[in-house]
Amino acid sequence: MLEFEDKLNHILVDTFNNITKYEEKSLRKISQVPITVSEVHLLQAIAQNGGSATVSCLSRILKVTRPTVTVAVKKLEKKELLKKETAEHDGRRFIITLTDSGQKIQRAHNIFHKKMIRNISKDFNTEEKEILLQSLTKLADFFKDKVKN
């Protein structure tokens, strides 16, 4: 059993690191502005939230602290990938939206993910795809449960 655990650990760590490196490599190709994987995921969270969000909302979506989001928003604002405006109904809150450049990077990142999944799944038959989905769903549920607690 220990052999299984060692192999699984190696595969999970190695796969996570390789996905991150692959994503970073892709981001360098699609953006003239240096941007990290975490930053592009923040852009993606705004887009998936209907194109605008508050710091608190992004904190919930990304499962990080509000100060972490605030720092990232400031960096992305300087890179002109998003803008922050005072909320009409509450002057203490800010509404964060993507600029045209931010939208472009976010769309390109979505295309990257679609192509990545298409390329991964092309070598699997139907049965293997089902097994992979079932297994990854269990894995995702395990980590989702651990994050909740």
Foldseek 3Di string as FASTA:
>chain_A
DVVVVVVVVCCVVVVVVVVLVVLLVLLVVQDPQRDHPVLLVLLLQCVVVVFKDWLVSSCVVVVHDSVVSVVSLVVCVVVQQKDWDQDPVDRVTIMIGGDPNVVSSNVSSVVVVVVVVCVVCVPDDPVRVVVVVVVVVVVVVVVVVVSVD
